[in-house]
Amino acid sequence: MKNDAYFMEMALAEAASALASGEVPVGAVIVMDGGALAKAHNCPIMMRDPTAHAEMLAIRKAAAIKQNYRLSGATLYVTIEPCVMCAGAIVHARIKRLVFGASDPKGGALSLYGIPGDNRLNHAVAVTGGVLAEECGEILSRFFRAKRI
């Protein structure tokens, strides 16, 4: 059975694609039945769409493949802790498990609000953080360091 690091490596490859196209390097992979169902990376600049985060695009792709807006049983791997918008979509998609790499104490929905693990919501998502956190954080740091130069 493939482990969390395996799928996070796939998400990191997506983040590298975002980096290569000048987007904030975030990647996401949705896994169902032991295999990758959908992959995506940040594209808000290219798509001129503020909702084109990696998680949102991966959820859209997976829902289209499954022909169902509910992705019950799915695991979402993402290189950084999701924002509030993405966390809401994760809850509404009924994703079973969220695995993220780097924490985002300034903008992460878990760090700031406890979403999507909040049991007061109509669906709670199991959360695992810190998978390949150093690698996930480094690609983001590299991007923002280059922007400051």
N, C-alpha and C. Protein backbone atom coordinates (compact mmCIF):
# COMPACT_ATOMS: atom_id res chain seq x y z
N MET A 1 0.85 -1.19 0.00
CA MET A 1 0.00 0.00 0.00
C MET A 1 0.89 1.25 0.00
N LYS A 2 0.51 2.20 -0.82
CA LYS A 2 1.27 3.44 -0.91
C LYS A 2 1.00 4.28 0.34
N ASN A 3 2.03 4.99 0.78
CA ASN A 3 1.88 5.77 2.02
C ASN A 3 1.70 7.26 1.73
N ASP A 4 1.51 8.02 2.79
CA ASP A 4 1.27 9.45 2.67
C ASP A 4 2.42 10.17 1.95
N ALA A 5 3.65 9.79 2.23
CA ALA A 5 4.79 10.45 1.60
C ALA A 5 4.77 10.26 0.08
N TYR A 6 4.35 9.10 -0.38
CA TYR A 6 4.27 8.81 -1.82
C TYR A 6 3.35 9.81 -2.51
N PHE A 7 2.15 9.99 -1.97
CA PHE A 7 1.19 10.90 -2.59
C PHE A 7 1.57 12.37 -2.38
N MET A 8 2.23 12.68 -1.28
CA MET A 8 2.70 14.05 -1.08
C MET A 8 3.79 14.39 -2.09
N GLU A 9 4.61 13.42 -2.45
CA GLU A 9 5.61 13.64 -3.50
C GLU A 9 4.91 14.00 -4.81
N MET A 10 3.78 13.36 -5.10
CA MET A 10 3.01 13.72 -6.29
C MET A 10 2.50 15.16 -6.20
N ALA A 11 2.03 15.54 -5.02
CA ALA A 11 1.56 16.91 -4.81
C ALA A 11 2.72 17.90 -4.98
N LEU A 12 3.90 17.53 -4.50
CA LEU A 12 5.08 18.39 -4.67
C LEU A 12 5.44 18.55 -6.15
N ALA A 13 5.27 17.50 -6.94
CA ALA A 13 5.52 17.61 -8.38
C ALA A 13 4.54 18.61 -9.01
N GLU A 14 3.29 18.59 -8.54
CA GLU A 14 2.31 19.58 -9.01
C GLU A 14 2.73 20.99 -8.59
N ALA A 15 3.21 21.12 -7.36
CA ALA A 15 3.68 22.43 -6.89
C ALA A 15 4.83 22.93 -7.75
N ALA A 16 5.72 22.03 -8.16
CA ALA A 16 6.83 22.41 -9.03
C ALA A 16 6.32 22.92 -10.38
N SER A 17 5.24 22.34 -10.88
CA SER A 17 4.62 22.82 -12.12
C SER A 17 4.09 24.23 -11.94
N ALA A 18 3.48 24.50 -10.79
CA ALA A 18 2.99 25.85 -10.50
C ALA A 18 4.16 26.83 -10.46
N LEU A 19 5.23 26.43 -9.79
CA LEU A 19 6.42 27.28 -9.69
C LEU A 19 6.96 27.62 -11.07
N ALA A 20 7.04 26.62 -11.93
CA ALA A 20 7.57 26.82 -13.28
C ALA A 20 6.73 27.80 -14.10
N SER A 21 5.44 27.91 -13.79
CA SER A 21 4.59 28.84 -14.52
C SER A 21 4.35 30.15 -13.78
N GLY A 22 5.12 30.39 -12.70
CA GLY A 22 5.04 31.66 -12.00
C GLY A 22 3.90 31.78 -10.99
N GLU A 23 3.24 30.67 -10.71
CA GLU A 23 2.17 30.65 -9.72
C GLU A 23 2.75 30.31 -8.34
N VAL A 24 2.00 30.65 -7.28
CA VAL A 24 2.41 30.23 -5.94
C VAL A 24 2.45 28.70 -5.96
N PRO A 25 3.59 28.10 -5.58
CA PRO A 25 3.77 26.65 -5.74
C PRO A 25 3.03 25.80 -4.71
N VAL A 26 1.78 25.52 -5.03
CA VAL A 26 0.95 24.63 -4.22
C VAL A 26 0.43 23.54 -5.14
N GLY A 27 0.51 22.30 -4.67
CA GLY A 27 0.00 21.17 -5.45
C GLY A 27 -0.94 20.33 -4.61
N ALA A 28 -1.87 19.65 -5.29
CA ALA A 28 -2.85 18.81 -4.61
C ALA A 28 -3.09 17.54 -5.41
N VAL A 29 -3.38 16.47 -4.68
CA VAL A 29 -3.72 15.17 -5.28
C VAL A 29 -4.88 14.59 -4.50
N ILE A 30 -5.89 14.09 -5.21
CA ILE A 30 -7.00 13.40 -4.57
C ILE A 30 -6.86 11.92 -4.86
N VAL A 31 -6.90 11.13 -3.78
CA VAL A 31 -6.70 9.68 -3.86
C VAL A 31 -8.00 8.98 -3.46
N MET A 32 -8.39 8.01 -4.28
CA MET A 32 -9.51 7.14 -3.94
C MET A 32 -9.15 5.73 -4.35
N ASP A 33 -9.59 4.78 -3.57
CA ASP A 33 -9.36 3.36 -3.87
C ASP A 33 -7.88 3.06 -4.11
N GLY A 34 -7.00 3.72 -3.35
CA GLY A 34 -5.58 3.43 -3.39
C GLY A 34 -4.79 4.08 -4.52
N GLY A 35 -5.46 4.85 -5.38
CA GLY A 35 -4.76 5.47 -6.49
C GLY A 35 -5.12 6.94 -6.65
N ALA A 36 -4.27 7.66 -7.36
CA ALA A 36 -4.51 9.08 -7.62
C ALA A 36 -5.65 9.22 -8.61
N LEU A 37 -6.67 9.96 -8.21
CA LEU A 37 -7.84 10.20 -9.05
C LEU A 37 -7.69 11.51 -9.81
N ALA A 38 -7.19 12.55 -9.15
CA ALA A 38 -7.06 13.86 -9.76
C ALA A 38 -5.88 14.60 -9.16
N LYS A 39 -5.20 15.39 -9.99
CA LYS A 39 -4.07 16.20 -9.54
C LYS A 39 -4.25 17.61 -10.09
N ALA A 40 -3.73 18.58 -9.35
CA ALA A 40 -3.80 19.97 -9.82
C ALA A 40 -2.78 20.81 -9.07
N HIS A 41 -2.52 21.99 -9.61
CA HIS A 41 -1.67 22.98 -8.94
C HIS A 41 -2.33 24.35 -9.07
N ASN A 42 -1.84 25.27 -8.27
CA ASN A 42 -2.38 26.64 -8.28
C ASN A 42 -2.34 27.22 -9.68
N CYS A 43 -3.43 27.88 -10.08
CA CYS A 43 -3.51 28.53 -11.39
C CYS A 43 -4.31 29.84 -11.37
N PRO A 44 -4.41 30.55 -10.27
CA PRO A 44 -5.26 31.76 -10.29
C PRO A 44 -4.76 32.84 -11.25
N ILE A 45 -3.46 32.97 -11.44
CA ILE A 45 -2.94 34.00 -12.34
C ILE A 45 -3.26 33.60 -13.78
N MET A 46 -2.89 32.40 -14.16
CA MET A 46 -3.10 31.93 -15.53
C MET A 46 -4.59 31.89 -15.89
N MET A 47 -5.42 31.43 -14.97
CA MET A 47 -6.84 31.30 -15.24
C MET A 47 -7.63 32.59 -14.96
N ARG A 48 -6.94 33.57 -14.36
CA ARG A 48 -7.59 34.82 -13.95
C ARG A 48 -8.82 34.52 -13.09
N ASP A 49 -8.58 33.64 -12.10
CA ASP A 49 -9.67 33.13 -11.26
C ASP A 49 -9.16 33.00 -9.83
N PRO A 50 -9.68 33.81 -8.91
CA PRO A 50 -9.19 33.74 -7.53
C PRO A 50 -9.52 32.42 -6.83
N THR A 51 -10.42 31.63 -7.40
CA THR A 51 -10.75 30.34 -6.79
C THR A 51 -9.94 29.18 -7.37
N ALA A 52 -9.01 29.45 -8.27
CA ALA A 52 -8.25 28.40 -8.93
C ALA A 52 -7.07 27.92 -8.09
N HIS A 53 -7.36 27.62 -6.83
CA HIS A 53 -6.35 27.02 -5.95
C HIS A 53 -6.22 25.54 -6.30
N ALA A 54 -5.09 24.96 -5.96
CA ALA A 54 -4.82 23.56 -6.27
C ALA A 54 -5.92 22.64 -5.75
N GLU A 55 -6.34 22.87 -4.51
CA GLU A 55 -7.37 22.01 -3.91
C GLU A 55 -8.69 22.10 -4.67
N MET A 56 -9.09 23.32 -5.00
CA MET A 56 -10.36 23.54 -5.70
C MET A 56 -10.34 22.86 -7.07
N LEU A 57 -9.24 23.01 -7.79
CA LEU A 57 -9.15 22.42 -9.12
C LEU A 57 -9.13 20.89 -9.05
N ALA A 58 -8.42 20.34 -8.06
CA ALA A 58 -8.39 18.88 -7.90
C ALA A 58 -9.77 18.35 -7.53
N ILE A 59 -10.48 19.05 -6.65
CA ILE A 59 -11.84 18.64 -6.28
C ILE A 59 -12.75 18.66 -7.50
N ARG A 60 -12.67 19.73 -8.29
CA ARG A 60 -13.49 19.82 -9.51
C ARG A 60 -13.21 18.66 -10.46
N LYS A 61 -11.93 18.36 -10.67
CA LYS A 61 -11.56 17.26 -11.57
C LYS A 61 -12.07 15.93 -11.03
N ALA A 62 -11.87 15.68 -9.76
CA ALA A 62 -12.29 14.41 -9.16
C ALA A 62 -13.81 14.26 -9.22
N ALA A 63 -14.54 15.34 -8.94
CA ALA A 63 -16.00 15.29 -8.99
C ALA A 63 -16.47 15.00 -10.41
N ALA A 64 -15.81 15.58 -11.40
CA ALA A 64 -16.19 15.32 -12.79
C ALA A 64 -15.93 13.86 -13.16
N ILE A 65 -14.80 13.34 -12.73
CA ILE A 65 -14.48 11.93 -13.02
C ILE A 65 -15.49 11.01 -12.35
N LYS A 66 -15.80 11.28 -11.09
CA LYS A 66 -16.74 10.44 -10.34
C LYS A 66 -18.20 10.74 -10.69
N GLN A 67 -18.42 11.83 -11.38
CA GLN A 67 -19.77 12.30 -11.70
C GLN A 67 -20.63 12.43 -10.45
N ASN A 68 -19.98 13.01 -9.42
CA ASN A 68 -20.65 13.20 -8.14
C ASN A 68 -19.91 14.30 -7.39
N TYR A 69 -20.63 15.23 -6.83
CA TYR A 69 -19.99 16.31 -6.08
C TYR A 69 -19.50 15.85 -4.72
N ARG A 70 -19.94 14.69 -4.29
CA ARG A 70 -19.45 14.15 -3.02
C ARG A 70 -18.34 13.15 -3.30
N LEU A 71 -17.25 13.35 -2.61
CA LEU A 71 -16.07 12.50 -2.78
C LEU A 71 -15.83 11.69 -1.52
N SER A 72 -16.89 11.06 -1.03
CA SER A 72 -16.81 10.25 0.19
C SER A 72 -15.74 9.18 0.03
N GLY A 73 -14.91 9.05 1.05
CA GLY A 73 -13.85 8.06 1.03
C GLY A 73 -12.54 8.58 0.45
N ALA A 74 -12.54 9.79 -0.10
CA ALA A 74 -11.33 10.34 -0.72
C ALA A 74 -10.38 10.92 0.32
N THR A 75 -9.10 10.92 -0.04
CA THR A 75 -8.08 11.61 0.73
C THR A 75 -7.50 12.69 -0.16
N LEU A 76 -7.38 13.89 0.37
CA LEU A 76 -6.78 15.01 -0.35
C LEU A 76 -5.41 15.28 0.23
N TYR A 77 -4.40 15.27 -0.62
CA TYR A 77 -3.03 15.62 -0.26
C TYR A 77 -2.74 17.00 -0.83
N VAL A 78 -2.26 17.91 0.00
CA VAL A 78 -1.93 19.26 -0.46
C VAL A 78 -0.66 19.72 0.25
N THR A 79 0.15 20.47 -0.46
CA THR A 79 1.48 20.82 0.05
C THR A 79 1.46 21.85 1.16
N ILE A 80 0.38 22.61 1.29
CA ILE A 80 0.26 23.58 2.38
C ILE A 80 -1.14 23.48 2.97
N GLU A 81 -1.24 23.81 4.21
CA GLU A 81 -2.52 23.84 4.91
C GLU A 81 -3.53 24.67 4.11
N PRO A 82 -4.71 24.15 3.84
CA PRO A 82 -5.69 24.87 3.02
C PRO A 82 -6.18 26.17 3.65
N CYS A 83 -6.56 27.09 2.75
CA CYS A 83 -7.18 28.35 3.18
C CYS A 83 -8.65 28.08 3.54
N VAL A 84 -9.33 29.10 4.01
CA VAL A 84 -10.73 28.97 4.42
C VAL A 84 -11.62 28.55 3.24
N MET A 85 -11.41 29.13 2.08
CA MET A 85 -12.21 28.77 0.90
C MET A 85 -12.06 27.29 0.58
N CYS A 86 -10.83 26.83 0.52
CA CYS A 86 -10.57 25.43 0.17
C CYS A 86 -11.06 24.49 1.26
N ALA A 87 -10.90 24.88 2.52
CA ALA A 87 -11.39 24.05 3.62
C ALA A 87 -12.90 23.88 3.54
N GLY A 88 -13.62 24.94 3.19
CA GLY A 88 -15.06 24.84 3.02
C GLY A 88 -15.42 23.87 1.91
N ALA A 89 -14.71 23.94 0.80
CA ALA A 89 -14.96 23.01 -0.31
C ALA A 89 -14.65 21.58 0.09
N ILE A 90 -13.61 21.38 0.87
CA ILE A 90 -13.24 20.04 1.33
C ILE A 90 -14.37 19.46 2.18
N VAL A 91 -14.92 20.26 3.06
CA VAL A 91 -16.05 19.82 3.90
C VAL A 91 -17.25 19.50 3.04
N HIS A 92 -17.60 20.40 2.13
CA HIS A 92 -18.79 20.21 1.29
C HIS A 92 -18.64 19.02 0.35
N ALA A 93 -17.42 18.70 -0.07
CA ALA A 93 -17.17 17.55 -0.93
C ALA A 93 -17.19 16.24 -0.15
N ARG A 94 -17.29 16.34 1.18
CA ARG A 94 -17.32 15.16 2.05
C ARG A 94 -16.05 14.33 1.95
N ILE A 95 -14.93 15.01 1.73
CA ILE A 95 -13.64 14.31 1.70
C ILE A 95 -13.40 13.71 3.07
N LYS A 96 -12.94 12.47 3.08
CA LYS A 96 -12.77 11.74 4.34
C LYS A 96 -11.54 12.21 5.12
N ARG A 97 -10.46 12.47 4.39
CA ARG A 97 -9.18 12.74 5.05
C ARG A 97 -8.41 13.81 4.30
N LEU A 98 -7.81 14.71 5.05
CA LEU A 98 -6.94 15.74 4.51
C LEU A 98 -5.53 15.51 5.04
N VAL A 99 -4.56 15.49 4.14
CA VAL A 99 -3.16 15.36 4.51
C VAL A 99 -2.44 16.57 3.91
N PHE A 100 -1.80 17.37 4.77
CA PHE A 100 -1.07 18.52 4.24
C PHE A 100 0.38 18.50 4.69
N GLY A 101 1.18 19.26 3.96
CA GLY A 101 2.61 19.34 4.25
C GLY A 101 2.92 20.44 5.24
N ALA A 102 3.13 21.65 4.73
CA ALA A 102 3.52 22.78 5.57
C ALA A 102 2.30 23.44 6.21
N SER A 103 2.46 23.87 7.44
CA SER A 103 1.42 24.65 8.13
C SER A 103 1.42 26.07 7.60
N ASP A 104 0.29 26.76 7.75
CA ASP A 104 0.18 28.15 7.34
C ASP A 104 -0.47 28.93 8.48
N PRO A 105 0.32 29.33 9.47
CA PRO A 105 -0.25 30.00 10.64
C PRO A 105 -0.91 31.35 10.35
N LYS A 106 -0.60 31.96 9.21
CA LYS A 106 -1.19 33.27 8.87
C LYS A 106 -2.45 33.15 8.02
N GLY A 107 -2.63 32.04 7.32
CA GLY A 107 -3.78 31.93 6.43
C GLY A 107 -4.45 30.58 6.39
N GLY A 108 -3.96 29.64 7.18
CA GLY A 108 -4.50 28.29 7.15
C GLY A 108 -5.81 28.16 7.93
N ALA A 109 -6.75 27.48 7.33
CA ALA A 109 -8.07 27.31 7.95
C ALA A 109 -8.03 26.46 9.20
N LEU A 110 -7.05 25.57 9.32
CA LEU A 110 -6.92 24.77 10.54
C LEU A 110 -6.27 25.60 11.64
N SER A 111 -5.18 26.26 11.28
CA SER A 111 -4.46 27.07 12.28
C SER A 111 -5.31 28.18 12.85
N LEU A 112 -6.10 28.82 12.00
CA LEU A 112 -6.88 29.98 12.43
C LEU A 112 -8.27 29.64 12.96
N TYR A 113 -8.93 28.65 12.36
CA TYR A 113 -10.35 28.42 12.67
C TYR A 113 -10.72 26.97 13.01
N GLY A 114 -9.82 26.05 12.83
CA GLY A 114 -10.14 24.66 13.12
C GLY A 114 -10.95 23.96 12.03
N ILE A 115 -11.10 24.60 10.90
CA ILE A 115 -11.79 23.99 9.76
C ILE A 115 -10.74 23.15 9.04
N PRO A 116 -10.97 22.00 8.53
CA PRO A 116 -12.20 21.25 8.39
C PRO A 116 -12.42 20.19 9.47
N GLY A 117 -11.64 20.20 10.51
CA GLY A 117 -11.80 19.20 11.56
C GLY A 117 -12.83 19.55 12.62
N ASP A 118 -13.53 20.67 12.44
CA ASP A 118 -14.49 21.15 13.42
C ASP A 118 -15.74 20.27 13.42
N ASN A 119 -15.99 19.59 14.51
CA ASN A 119 -17.13 18.66 14.62
C ASN A 119 -18.48 19.37 14.65
N ARG A 120 -18.49 20.69 14.75
CA ARG A 120 -19.76 21.43 14.72
C ARG A 120 -20.32 21.52 13.30
N LEU A 121 -19.48 21.30 12.31
CA LEU A 121 -19.92 21.35 10.92
C LEU A 121 -20.65 20.06 10.56
N ASN A 122 -21.34 20.06 9.42
CA ASN A 122 -22.11 18.88 9.03
C ASN A 122 -21.25 17.70 8.61
N HIS A 123 -19.96 17.92 8.44
CA HIS A 123 -19.03 16.84 8.10
C HIS A 123 -17.66 17.21 8.67
N ALA A 124 -17.06 16.31 9.37
CA ALA A 124 -15.71 16.53 9.90
C ALA A 124 -14.73 15.68 9.10
N VAL A 125 -13.60 16.26 8.81
CA VAL A 125 -12.55 15.62 8.02
C VAL A 125 -11.41 15.23 8.95
N ALA A 126 -10.93 14.01 8.82
CA ALA A 126 -9.74 13.59 9.56
C ALA A 126 -8.54 14.33 8.96
N VAL A 127 -7.67 14.84 9.82
CA VAL A 127 -6.56 15.68 9.35
C VAL A 127 -5.23 15.12 9.84
N THR A 128 -4.27 15.07 8.91
CA THR A 128 -2.88 14.74 9.22
C THR A 128 -2.03 15.85 8.64
N GLY A 129 -1.26 16.51 9.46
CA GLY A 129 -0.40 17.59 8.99
C GLY A 129 1.06 17.24 9.14
N GLY A 130 1.90 17.97 8.43
CA GLY A 130 3.35 17.83 8.58
C GLY A 130 3.99 16.77 7.72
N VAL A 131 3.28 16.22 6.74
CA VAL A 131 3.88 15.19 5.88
C VAL A 131 4.79 15.89 4.86
N LEU A 132 6.06 15.56 4.90
CA LEU A 132 7.09 16.20 4.07
C LEU A 132 7.05 17.72 4.23
N ALA A 133 6.81 18.15 5.46
CA ALA A 133 6.65 19.58 5.75
C ALA A 133 7.86 20.40 5.31
N GLU A 134 9.05 19.90 5.52
CA GLU A 134 10.25 20.66 5.16
C GLU A 134 10.31 20.90 3.65
N GLU A 135 10.08 19.86 2.87
CA GLU A 135 10.11 19.99 1.41
C GLU A 135 8.99 20.92 0.92
N CYS A 136 7.82 20.76 1.50
CA CYS A 136 6.67 21.59 1.10
C CYS A 136 6.90 23.05 1.46
N GLY A 137 7.48 23.30 2.61
CA GLY A 137 7.77 24.67 3.02
C GLY A 137 8.89 25.29 2.20
N GLU A 138 9.86 24.48 1.82
CA GLU A 138 11.01 24.98 1.08
C GLU A 138 10.63 25.50 -0.31
N ILE A 139 9.76 24.82 -1.00
CA ILE A 139 9.38 25.28 -2.35
C ILE A 139 8.64 26.61 -2.26
N LEU A 140 7.85 26.78 -1.21
CA LEU A 140 7.16 28.07 -1.00
C LEU A 140 8.16 29.16 -0.64
N SER A 141 9.09 28.84 0.25
CA SER A 141 10.11 29.82 0.65
C SER A 141 10.95 30.27 -0.53
N ARG A 142 11.32 29.31 -1.37
CA ARG A 142 12.11 29.62 -2.56
C ARG A 142 11.35 30.59 -3.47
N PHE A 143 10.06 30.34 -3.66
CA PHE A 143 9.23 31.21 -4.49
C PHE A 143 9.18 32.64 -3.93
N PHE A 144 8.90 32.77 -2.64
CA PHE A 144 8.76 34.10 -2.07
C PHE A 144 10.10 34.82 -1.91
N ARG A 145 11.19 34.07 -1.70
CA ARG A 145 12.52 34.69 -1.69
C ARG A 145 12.82 35.32 -3.05
N ALA A 146 12.51 34.60 -4.12
CA ALA A 146 12.75 35.11 -5.48
C ALA A 146 11.91 36.34 -5.75
N LYS A 147 10.71 36.42 -5.21
CA LYS A 147 9.84 37.58 -5.41
C LYS A 147 10.39 38.82 -4.73
N ARG A 148 11.11 38.65 -3.64
CA ARG A 148 11.65 39.78 -2.86
C ARG A 148 12.92 40.35 -3.46
N ILE A 149 13.54 39.64 -4.35
CA ILE A 149 14.83 40.08 -4.94
C ILE A 149 14.60 41.16 -5.96
